[in-house]
Amino acid sequence: MDEIRHIADGIHLISWRQFVGIAPFIRPVDKIFNVINAQISSPETNLFGHLVLYTGFICSVFLVFDIAKRILKGHTGYAFLAGLLFALHPLNVVNVYRLDLIAQQYATVFSLSLLRWSLIYDFQNRNASHFYVIAFCFINLSVLSKETSFAQLLCIPFCAYVIRDAIGDKCRFRYFLNVLYMVISIELLYMIIRHYYLQGYDLEYSTRYTIDLSPSNIFKNIYLYLGSLFYLGDTIDFMMKTHLNKIITGIFVSMIFLLMIIGGIYAVIRQKDIASIKIAMSFLLLAVAGAFPIVVISHISEHYDYSSSPYFCLLSVLLTCNIYTYVASKMTDKKRKLISSLSVTCIVLILIWMGYSVSDKLSYADRKSDKAKIYYRAINEWLDKKDSHETVCIRKPANFTTQSYNFFITPDDDLVARIKFLVESLREINLTLLIQEDSESCRYLLSKTPSDKTI
């Protein structure tokens, strides 16, 4: 930054990277998949622009389901719940960024649950008429977001896989597949229409990916992986909207997470199943190393800089399922049903709580965005009236699409007042003001503020 001096820097809006406490770094595995994705498709918005990442997302969810089913001794229902929670977890589904899609996400969760139980009930009773109504609801939900569209393309065959043992009649299963093909066709048609609609927008992508495998960078990333697993104070602050002591909160949450890991490992070992032990240990080691391929699902949108912690979600789901299975094996059927009901209730309450917290944060961000548009217009109109000799460059921060606005000003007696106006405006809208270090404007400005050389 020899040639550029930061005169002012705005406060970054809340982001999921800050939410999980590992901003602004991206793990090497994510970068590798981004490089592959960039090679097979252009960075512009297109129909197959994220084929690798979506494929990884789909494979990851199926993998979670298969492994959970194996660990849970064939309990398909709980394995389905594990896969569903992993697929729809806010760290993995990008549409929680959109305030208007918060309600849609919960509608999707409800629809998926209803679909699964309805399918099992209907096919066991040889009556699948309700399935067509539910499939129609899926189509209506999906047209609002491409992320949800892909999630539902995934979850319908997922349900078919879950209930294949419950469907004894091959003819009934063919009916199910016909409806599945119909839904997929409509979803793909929607994606094609959306693709051509977006061609009318000029979207700028300037992110370029490089892979740094130097020892210092690898060591730094390992440190960040461990920090993302065990320092969760920011997460609690975000969810509770409080300003607790982050050290105390981080220690408390880390202890809970460690107890969950210990309890999950103990539950796996007590099952005395060698395959389950190997699977659990492998997940634990690979998650800490940050090298497990499931991390590709942290980039399921055009925004390549998401750096969530899906492996933390994976560990949480699988270890919780292990603990539940071990505890349930020691209970009677009545107590087991009670625990199941309480677990589902807790999950629903957590989702509602999370939705309320996120929507509150996003509504604040939307208000900031509206304010930014007003400042853009005002600054443009004001500066366009000035003579142009030198450049002041206003840039959006990293969490926005890279774009710069060049304004030309003349160094005169009014310069300091005008720069102050810009600085105060930019602080309100999360922008950064840059002035060429060797420019006459900058020297004039600094001569007016010799004490601290800042505005």
Protein backbone atom coordinates (compact mmCIF):
# COMPACT_ATOMS: atom_id res chain seq x y z
CA MET A 1 0.00 0.00 0.00
CA ASP A 2 2.87 2.37 -0.79
CA GLU A 3 0.90 4.35 -3.35
CA ILE A 4 -2.45 4.37 -1.60
CA ARG A 5 -3.40 5.76 1.76
CA HIS A 6 -6.56 4.67 3.54
CA ILE A 7 -8.29 7.84 4.66
CA ALA A 8 -11.39 6.15 6.07
CA ASP A 9 -12.65 2.63 6.50
CA GLY A 10 -16.25 1.61 7.10
CA ILE A 11 -17.60 -1.02 9.48
CA HIS A 12 -18.25 -4.32 7.73
CA LEU A 13 -21.75 -5.72 7.76
CA ILE A 14 -22.40 -8.99 9.56
CA SER A 15 -21.50 -12.00 7.44
CA TRP A 16 -21.51 -15.76 7.92
CA ARG A 17 -17.73 -15.74 7.72
CA GLN A 18 -17.71 -13.47 10.75
CA PHE A 19 -20.49 -15.62 12.19
CA VAL A 20 -18.27 -18.71 12.35
CA GLY A 21 -15.23 -16.71 13.43
CA ILE A 22 -12.81 -17.52 10.60
CA ALA A 23 -13.15 -14.49 8.31
CA PRO A 24 -11.69 -13.57 5.92
CA PHE A 25 -9.75 -16.73 5.07
CA ILE A 26 -10.77 -19.52 2.71
CA ARG A 27 -9.56 -23.07 3.26
CA PRO A 28 -7.20 -24.59 0.65
CA VAL A 29 -9.69 -27.33 -0.22
CA ASP A 30 -12.29 -24.69 -1.08
CA LYS A 31 -9.75 -22.91 -3.28
CA ILE A 32 -8.94 -26.13 -5.13
CA PHE A 33 -12.59 -26.71 -5.98
CA ASN A 34 -12.99 -23.08 -6.97
CA VAL A 35 -10.05 -23.40 -9.36
CA ILE A 36 -11.61 -26.54 -10.88
CA ASN A 37 -14.96 -24.79 -11.17
CA ALA A 38 -13.37 -21.77 -12.85
CA GLN A 39 -11.66 -24.02 -15.40
CA ILE A 40 -14.82 -25.81 -16.55
CA SER A 41 -17.03 -22.73 -16.65
CA SER A 42 -16.75 -18.99 -16.99
CA PRO A 43 -17.07 -16.81 -13.88
CA GLU A 44 -20.14 -15.13 -15.39
CA THR A 45 -23.64 -16.14 -14.38
CA ASN A 46 -24.59 -19.23 -16.39
CA LEU A 47 -26.62 -22.38 -16.06
CA PHE A 48 -23.72 -24.72 -15.26
CA GLY A 49 -21.48 -22.19 -13.52
CA HIS A 50 -21.33 -24.16 -10.29
CA LEU A 51 -21.73 -27.72 -11.47
CA VAL A 52 -18.80 -29.03 -9.44
CA LEU A 53 -19.96 -27.38 -6.22
CA TYR A 54 -23.58 -28.45 -6.56
CA THR A 55 -22.47 -31.99 -7.34
CA GLY A 56 -20.30 -31.97 -4.24
CA PHE A 57 -23.22 -30.69 -2.19
CA ILE A 58 -25.53 -33.46 -3.39
CA CYS A 59 -22.90 -36.17 -2.85
CA SER A 60 -22.13 -34.80 0.60
CA VAL A 61 -25.73 -35.06 1.79
CA PHE A 62 -26.09 -38.60 0.48
CA LEU A 63 -22.81 -39.52 2.14
CA VAL A 64 -23.99 -38.13 5.48
CA PHE A 65 -27.20 -40.13 5.19
CA ASP A 66 -25.45 -43.39 4.31
CA ILE A 67 -22.89 -43.08 7.08
CA ALA A 68 -25.51 -42.03 9.64
CA LYS A 69 -27.68 -44.99 8.64
CA ARG A 70 -24.74 -47.33 9.14
CA ILE A 71 -23.80 -45.85 12.51
CA LEU A 72 -27.44 -45.85 13.63
CA LYS A 73 -27.82 -49.55 12.88
CA GLY A 74 -30.26 -49.12 10.01
CA HIS A 75 -32.57 -46.57 11.68
CA THR A 76 -33.59 -44.91 8.43
CA GLY A 77 -35.72 -42.23 10.06
CA TYR A 78 -32.94 -40.78 12.18
CA ALA A 79 -30.42 -41.11 9.36
CA PHE A 80 -32.82 -39.14 7.15
CA LEU A 81 -33.07 -36.48 9.85
CA ALA A 82 -29.27 -36.28 10.02
CA GLY A 83 -29.01 -35.81 6.26
CA LEU A 84 -31.85 -33.30 6.23
CA LEU A 85 -30.33 -31.17 9.00
CA PHE A 86 -26.98 -31.24 7.25
CA ALA A 87 -28.51 -30.24 3.91
CA LEU A 88 -30.60 -27.39 5.29
CA HIS A 89 -28.23 -26.12 7.96
CA PRO A 90 -27.82 -22.33 7.68
CA LEU A 91 -24.06 -22.72 7.31
CA ASN A 92 -24.63 -24.79 4.17
CA VAL A 93 -27.62 -23.14 2.52
CA VAL A 94 -26.92 -19.72 1.10
CA ASN A 95 -30.52 -18.54 0.92
CA VAL A 96 -30.49 -17.50 4.59
CA TYR A 97 -28.74 -14.39 3.27
CA ARG A 98 -32.02 -13.33 1.70
CA LEU A 99 -34.53 -11.85 4.10
CA ASP A 100 -37.45 -12.77 1.85
CA LEU A 101 -36.37 -16.43 1.82
CA ILE A 102 -36.16 -16.99 5.57
CA ALA A 103 -39.79 -18.11 5.76
CA GLN A 104 -39.34 -20.18 2.62
CA GLN A 105 -36.54 -22.14 4.24
CA TYR A 106 -38.76 -23.23 7.10
CA ALA A 107 -41.57 -24.00 4.68
CA THR A 108 -39.12 -26.25 2.87
CA VAL A 109 -38.17 -28.04 6.10
CA PHE A 110 -41.84 -28.58 6.90
CA SER A 111 -42.59 -29.79 3.38
CA LEU A 112 -39.69 -32.24 3.42
CA SER A 113 -40.81 -33.70 6.73
CA LEU A 114 -44.40 -33.93 5.54
CA LEU A 115 -43.25 -35.52 2.30
CA ARG A 116 -41.26 -38.23 3.99
CA TRP A 117 -43.93 -39.33 6.42
CA SER A 118 -46.69 -39.03 3.81
CA LEU A 119 -44.77 -41.16 1.36
CA ILE A 120 -44.13 -43.91 3.87
CA TYR A 121 -47.75 -43.90 5.04
CA ASP A 122 -49.25 -43.74 1.54
CA PHE A 123 -47.09 -46.40 -0.05
CA GLN A 124 -47.58 -48.75 2.85
CA ASN A 125 -51.33 -48.30 2.37
CA ARG A 126 -51.05 -48.51 -1.43
CA ASN A 127 -52.40 -45.00 -1.90
CA ALA A 128 -50.01 -42.41 -3.27
CA SER A 129 -52.50 -39.72 -4.29
CA HIS A 130 -51.30 -37.26 -1.64
CA PHE A 131 -47.83 -37.34 -3.10
CA TYR A 132 -48.92 -35.44 -6.21
CA VAL A 133 -50.24 -32.58 -4.08
CA ILE A 134 -47.01 -32.41 -2.10
CA ALA A 135 -44.93 -32.47 -5.30
CA PHE A 136 -46.94 -29.52 -6.61
CA CYS A 137 -46.17 -27.61 -3.38
CA PHE A 138 -42.48 -28.36 -3.92
CA ILE A 139 -42.60 -26.77 -7.36
CA ASN A 140 -44.24 -23.61 -6.03
CA LEU A 141 -41.67 -23.29 -3.25
CA SER A 142 -38.72 -23.71 -5.56
CA VAL A 143 -39.46 -20.92 -8.02
CA LEU A 144 -38.33 -18.24 -5.58
CA SER A 145 -34.68 -19.23 -5.31
CA LYS A 146 -32.20 -21.27 -7.30
CA GLU A 147 -30.62 -22.53 -4.06
CA THR A 148 -33.94 -23.93 -2.88
CA SER A 149 -34.57 -25.29 -6.34
CA PHE A 150 -31.40 -27.35 -6.19
CA ALA A 151 -32.11 -28.42 -2.62
CA GLN A 152 -35.49 -29.77 -3.67
CA LEU A 153 -34.06 -31.45 -6.74
CA LEU A 154 -31.83 -33.23 -4.27
CA CYS A 155 -34.38 -34.06 -1.59
CA ILE A 156 -37.03 -35.75 -3.75
CA PRO A 157 -34.75 -38.59 -4.93
CA PHE A 158 -33.37 -38.54 -1.41
CA CYS A 159 -36.86 -39.40 -0.15
CA ALA A 160 -37.18 -42.09 -2.81
CA TYR A 161 -33.98 -43.66 -1.56
CA VAL A 162 -35.18 -43.53 2.03
CA ILE A 163 -38.50 -45.27 1.38
CA ARG A 164 -37.38 -47.82 -1.19
CA ASP A 165 -37.59 -50.59 1.42
CA ALA A 166 -41.13 -49.52 2.33
CA ILE A 167 -42.37 -49.74 -1.27
CA GLY A 168 -43.19 -53.35 -2.01
CA ASP A 169 -45.01 -52.78 -5.29
CA LYS A 170 -42.70 -51.96 -8.22
CA CYS A 171 -45.62 -50.46 -10.10
CA ARG A 172 -46.15 -47.94 -7.29
CA PHE A 173 -42.48 -47.10 -7.31
CA ARG A 174 -42.66 -46.38 -11.05
CA TYR A 175 -45.50 -43.94 -10.35
CA PHE A 176 -43.25 -42.24 -7.86
CA LEU A 177 -40.44 -42.01 -10.40
CA ASN A 178 -42.76 -40.51 -13.02
CA VAL A 179 -43.69 -37.70 -10.65
CA LEU A 180 -40.02 -37.29 -9.80
CA TYR A 181 -39.14 -36.85 -13.48
CA MET A 182 -41.93 -34.31 -13.86
CA VAL A 183 -40.66 -32.23 -10.94
CA ILE A 184 -37.06 -32.36 -12.17
CA SER A 185 -38.15 -31.26 -15.66
CA ILE A 186 -40.02 -28.26 -14.26
CA GLU A 187 -37.07 -27.37 -12.02
CA LEU A 188 -34.62 -27.49 -14.93
CA LEU A 189 -36.97 -25.42 -17.08
CA TYR A 190 -37.07 -22.84 -14.31
CA MET A 191 -33.26 -22.81 -14.12
CA ILE A 192 -32.98 -22.26 -17.89
CA ILE A 193 -35.48 -19.39 -17.81
CA ARG A 194 -33.65 -17.87 -14.84
CA HIS A 195 -30.34 -18.21 -16.68
CA TYR A 196 -31.51 -16.25 -19.73
CA TYR A 197 -33.25 -13.69 -17.55
CA LEU A 198 -30.01 -12.94 -15.70
CA GLN A 199 -28.14 -12.42 -18.96
CA GLY A 200 -29.60 -8.92 -19.00
CA TYR A 201 -27.66 -7.97 -15.87
CA ASP A 202 -24.06 -6.80 -15.96
CA LEU A 203 -22.49 -8.73 -13.09
CA GLU A 204 -18.82 -8.08 -12.37
CA TYR A 205 -16.66 -10.86 -10.94
CA SER A 206 -13.02 -10.05 -10.37
CA THR A 207 -12.07 -12.77 -7.89
CA ARG A 208 -9.10 -14.88 -8.99
CA TYR A 209 -7.91 -17.96 -7.20
CA THR A 210 -4.40 -19.02 -6.36
CA ILE A 211 -3.32 -22.00 -4.29
CA ASP A 212 -0.68 -21.22 -1.68
CA LEU A 213 0.84 -24.43 -0.32
CA SER A 214 3.72 -22.79 1.52
CA PRO A 215 4.43 -24.18 5.02
CA SER A 216 3.56 -20.87 6.67
CA ASN A 217 0.19 -20.70 4.93
CA ILE A 218 -0.64 -24.33 5.76
CA PHE A 219 0.26 -23.77 9.42
CA LYS A 220 -1.89 -20.63 9.52
CA ASN A 221 -4.86 -22.48 8.06
CA ILE A 222 -4.54 -25.36 10.53
CA TYR A 223 -4.63 -22.79 13.32
CA LEU A 224 -7.78 -21.28 11.81
CA TYR A 225 -9.44 -24.70 11.53
CA LEU A 226 -8.92 -25.33 15.22
CA GLY A 227 -10.14 -21.85 16.05
CA SER A 228 -13.31 -22.33 14.02
CA LEU A 229 -14.05 -25.55 15.89
CA PHE A 230 -13.43 -24.40 19.43
CA TYR A 231 -13.88 -20.64 19.58
CA LEU A 232 -17.60 -20.08 19.13
CA GLY A 233 -18.13 -16.97 21.22
CA ASP A 234 -19.01 -14.90 18.15
CA THR A 235 -21.67 -17.45 17.26
CA ILE A 236 -23.36 -17.14 20.64
CA ASP A 237 -23.17 -13.35 20.50
CA PHE A 238 -24.74 -13.37 17.07
CA MET A 239 -27.57 -15.72 18.02
CA MET A 240 -28.39 -14.15 21.37
CA LYS A 241 -27.77 -10.57 20.16
CA THR A 242 -25.86 -9.87 23.35
CA HIS A 243 -22.34 -8.68 24.13
CA LEU A 244 -21.16 -11.40 26.48
CA ASN A 245 -17.55 -11.77 27.45
CA LYS A 246 -16.18 -13.60 24.42
CA ILE A 247 -13.46 -15.39 26.35
CA ILE A 248 -15.88 -16.80 28.93
CA THR A 249 -18.45 -17.61 26.27
CA GLY A 250 -15.85 -19.24 24.05
CA ILE A 251 -14.56 -21.42 26.90
CA PHE A 252 -18.10 -22.42 27.90
CA VAL A 253 -19.17 -23.35 24.37
CA SER A 254 -15.86 -25.11 23.72
CA MET A 255 -16.41 -27.26 26.81
CA ILE A 256 -19.87 -28.21 25.56
CA PHE A 257 -18.46 -29.10 22.16
CA LEU A 258 -15.65 -31.16 23.70
CA LEU A 259 -18.15 -33.01 25.90
CA MET A 260 -20.24 -33.72 22.81
CA ILE A 261 -17.19 -35.12 21.01
CA ILE A 262 -16.20 -37.25 24.00
CA GLY A 263 -19.78 -38.45 24.45
CA GLY A 264 -20.12 -39.28 20.76
CA ILE A 265 -16.86 -41.22 20.68
CA TYR A 266 -17.83 -43.08 23.86
CA ALA A 267 -21.21 -43.96 22.35
CA VAL A 268 -19.56 -45.26 19.18
CA ILE A 269 -17.05 -47.36 21.12
CA ARG A 270 -19.76 -48.82 23.35
CA GLN A 271 -21.58 -50.08 20.26
CA LYS A 272 -18.56 -52.34 19.64
CA ASP A 273 -18.84 -51.94 15.88
CA ILE A 274 -15.44 -51.59 14.24
CA ALA A 275 -16.81 -49.93 11.10
CA SER A 276 -18.64 -47.27 13.12
CA ILE A 277 -15.52 -46.57 15.17
CA LYS A 278 -13.40 -46.13 12.04
CA ILE A 279 -15.96 -43.83 10.45
CA ALA A 280 -16.32 -41.63 13.55
CA MET A 281 -12.57 -41.34 14.09
CA SER A 282 -11.96 -40.54 10.43
CA PHE A 283 -14.55 -37.77 10.48
CA LEU A 284 -13.06 -36.31 13.63
CA LEU A 285 -9.49 -36.24 12.31
CA LEU A 286 -10.42 -35.02 8.84
CA ALA A 287 -12.70 -32.30 10.21
CA VAL A 288 -9.95 -30.88 12.40
CA ALA A 289 -7.53 -30.96 9.47
CA GLY A 290 -10.08 -29.21 7.27
CA ALA A 291 -9.26 -31.53 4.38
CA PHE A 292 -12.53 -33.43 4.06
CA PRO A 293 -14.09 -32.91 0.60
CA ILE A 294 -17.50 -32.11 2.10
CA VAL A 295 -16.27 -28.56 2.69
CA VAL A 296 -17.03 -27.76 -0.94
CA ILE A 297 -20.66 -27.17 -0.02
CA SER A 298 -19.68 -23.92 1.66
CA HIS A 299 -19.70 -22.35 -1.82
CA ILE A 300 -23.10 -23.09 -3.32
CA SER A 301 -23.72 -19.72 -4.93
CA GLU A 302 -22.03 -17.15 -7.15
CA HIS A 303 -20.29 -15.70 -4.09
CA TYR A 304 -16.99 -17.53 -3.89
CA ASP A 305 -15.80 -16.01 -0.65
CA TYR A 306 -18.10 -17.86 1.76
CA SER A 307 -16.08 -19.68 4.38
CA SER A 308 -18.54 -21.55 6.56
CA SER A 309 -17.87 -24.61 8.70
CA PRO A 310 -19.93 -27.48 7.27
CA TYR A 311 -17.60 -30.02 8.81
CA PHE A 312 -18.55 -28.66 12.24
CA CYS A 313 -22.19 -29.18 11.31
CA LEU A 314 -21.37 -32.70 10.13
CA LEU A 315 -19.61 -33.61 13.36
CA SER A 316 -22.42 -32.16 15.44
CA VAL A 317 -25.11 -34.13 13.61
CA LEU A 318 -23.28 -37.46 13.54
CA LEU A 319 -22.06 -37.32 17.14
CA THR A 320 -25.48 -36.25 18.38
CA CYS A 321 -27.04 -39.18 16.53
CA ASN A 322 -24.54 -41.53 18.15
CA ILE A 323 -25.30 -40.21 21.61
CA TYR A 324 -29.04 -40.46 20.98
CA THR A 325 -28.77 -44.04 19.69
CA TYR A 326 -26.75 -45.14 22.70
CA VAL A 327 -29.10 -43.46 25.19
CA ALA A 328 -32.21 -44.73 23.38
CA SER A 329 -30.95 -48.31 23.53
CA LYS A 330 -31.12 -48.09 27.33
CA MET A 331 -34.73 -46.85 27.40
CA THR A 332 -38.18 -48.31 27.02
CA ASP A 333 -40.28 -47.58 23.93
CA LYS A 334 -42.39 -45.00 25.77
CA LYS A 335 -39.36 -43.05 26.96
CA ARG A 336 -37.77 -43.31 23.54
CA LYS A 337 -40.82 -41.75 21.89
CA LEU A 338 -40.83 -38.99 24.50
CA ILE A 339 -37.17 -38.20 23.83
CA SER A 340 -37.85 -38.17 20.07
CA SER A 341 -40.72 -35.72 20.49
CA LEU A 342 -38.62 -33.43 22.69
CA SER A 343 -35.74 -33.56 20.20
CA VAL A 344 -37.94 -32.57 17.28
CA THR A 345 -39.49 -29.76 19.35
CA CYS A 346 -36.03 -28.43 20.26
CA ILE A 347 -34.95 -28.50 16.61
CA VAL A 348 -38.02 -26.54 15.53
CA LEU A 349 -37.50 -23.95 18.30
CA ILE A 350 -33.83 -23.54 17.39
CA LEU A 351 -34.71 -23.00 13.72
CA ILE A 352 -37.33 -20.40 14.63
CA TRP A 353 -34.89 -18.65 16.97
CA MET A 354 -32.17 -18.67 14.33
CA GLY A 355 -34.55 -17.32 11.72
CA TYR A 356 -35.60 -14.46 13.97
CA SER A 357 -32.00 -13.54 14.76
CA VAL A 358 -30.87 -13.68 11.15
CA SER A 359 -33.88 -11.75 9.87
CA ASP A 360 -33.19 -9.01 12.41
CA LYS A 361 -29.58 -8.73 11.27
CA LEU A 362 -30.55 -8.78 7.61
CA SER A 363 -33.24 -6.15 8.02
CA TYR A 364 -30.53 -3.90 9.52
CA ALA A 365 -28.26 -4.68 6.56
CA ASP A 366 -31.08 -3.86 4.13
CA ARG A 367 -31.58 -0.50 5.79
CA LYS A 368 -27.84 0.17 5.44
CA SER A 369 -28.02 -0.80 1.78
CA ASP A 370 -30.90 1.61 1.14
CA LYS A 371 -28.92 4.34 2.85
CA ALA A 372 -25.93 3.55 0.66
CA LYS A 373 -27.96 4.11 -2.50
CA ILE A 374 -28.99 7.54 -1.26
CA TYR A 375 -25.36 8.47 -0.54
CA TYR A 376 -24.24 7.17 -3.92
CA ARG A 377 -26.73 9.41 -5.69
CA ALA A 378 -25.93 12.45 -3.53
CA ILE A 379 -22.15 12.10 -3.90
CA ASN A 380 -22.43 11.55 -7.65
CA GLU A 381 -24.59 14.62 -8.16
CA TRP A 382 -22.34 16.73 -5.93
CA LEU A 383 -18.98 15.72 -7.34
CA ASP A 384 -20.04 15.78 -10.97
CA LYS A 385 -20.37 19.55 -10.69
CA LYS A 386 -16.67 19.95 -9.80
CA ASP A 387 -13.76 20.44 -12.15
CA SER A 388 -11.61 17.35 -12.66
CA HIS A 389 -7.88 17.29 -12.05
CA GLU A 390 -7.17 14.41 -9.71
CA THR A 391 -8.90 11.21 -8.70
CA VAL A 392 -10.56 10.12 -5.49
CA CYS A 393 -11.52 6.46 -5.66
CA ILE A 394 -14.38 5.07 -3.57
CA ARG A 395 -14.45 1.30 -3.30
CA LYS A 396 -16.90 -1.19 -1.88
CA PRO A 397 -15.46 -3.51 0.80
CA ALA A 398 -14.53 -7.11 0.12
CA ASN A 399 -17.92 -8.56 1.01
CA PHE A 400 -19.53 -6.67 -1.88
CA THR A 401 -19.02 -7.24 -5.60
CA THR A 402 -15.81 -5.43 -6.47
CA GLN A 403 -16.64 -2.11 -8.05
CA SER A 404 -15.00 1.30 -7.88
CA TYR A 405 -16.35 4.77 -8.36
CA ASN A 406 -13.87 7.36 -9.62
CA PHE A 407 -14.55 10.99 -8.78
CA PHE A 408 -12.42 13.93 -9.88
CA ILE A 409 -11.80 16.90 -7.63
CA THR A 410 -9.71 20.04 -7.82
CA PRO A 411 -7.34 20.83 -4.90
CA ASP A 412 -8.52 24.15 -3.57
CA ASP A 413 -9.46 25.73 -0.27
CA ASP A 414 -12.69 23.73 -0.16
CA LEU A 415 -10.92 20.37 -0.42
CA VAL A 416 -10.74 19.55 3.30
CA ALA A 417 -14.43 20.21 3.85
CA ARG A 418 -15.36 18.10 0.86
CA ILE A 419 -13.14 15.21 1.96
CA LYS A 420 -14.65 15.36 5.43
CA PHE A 421 -18.09 15.14 3.86
CA LEU A 422 -17.03 12.06 1.89
CA VAL A 423 -15.46 10.39 4.92
CA GLU A 424 -18.52 10.86 7.11
CA SER A 425 -20.77 9.66 4.31
CA LEU A 426 -18.69 6.59 3.61
CA ARG A 427 -18.56 5.59 7.26
CA GLU A 428 -22.32 5.39 7.19
CA ILE A 429 -22.47 3.08 4.18
CA ASN A 430 -19.52 0.74 4.72
CA LEU A 431 -17.20 2.05 1.99
CA THR A 432 -13.53 2.88 1.83
CA LEU A 433 -12.07 6.15 0.54
CA LEU A 434 -8.69 5.92 -1.17
CA ILE A 435 -6.55 8.87 -2.28
CA GLN A 436 -3.36 8.61 -4.29
CA GLU A 437 -0.49 9.06 -1.86
CA ASP A 438 1.65 11.18 -4.17
CA SER A 439 -1.17 13.30 -5.53
CA GLU A 440 -1.37 17.04 -5.11
CA SER A 441 -4.77 16.64 -3.47
CA CYS A 442 -3.35 14.32 -0.83
CA ARG A 443 -0.42 16.63 -0.07
CA TYR A 444 -2.78 19.57 0.21
CA LEU A 445 -5.09 17.61 2.48
CA LEU A 446 -2.28 16.47 4.77
CA SER A 447 -0.93 19.99 4.97
CA LYS A 448 -4.28 21.05 6.36
CA THR A 449 -4.15 18.34 9.05
CA PRO A 450 -0.48 18.19 10.14
CA SER A 451 -1.13 16.83 13.63
CA ASP A 452 -2.42 13.34 12.90
CA LYS A 453 -2.64 13.39 9.09
CA THR A 454 -6.15 11.95 9.18
CA ILE A 455 -9.61 13.30 8.79
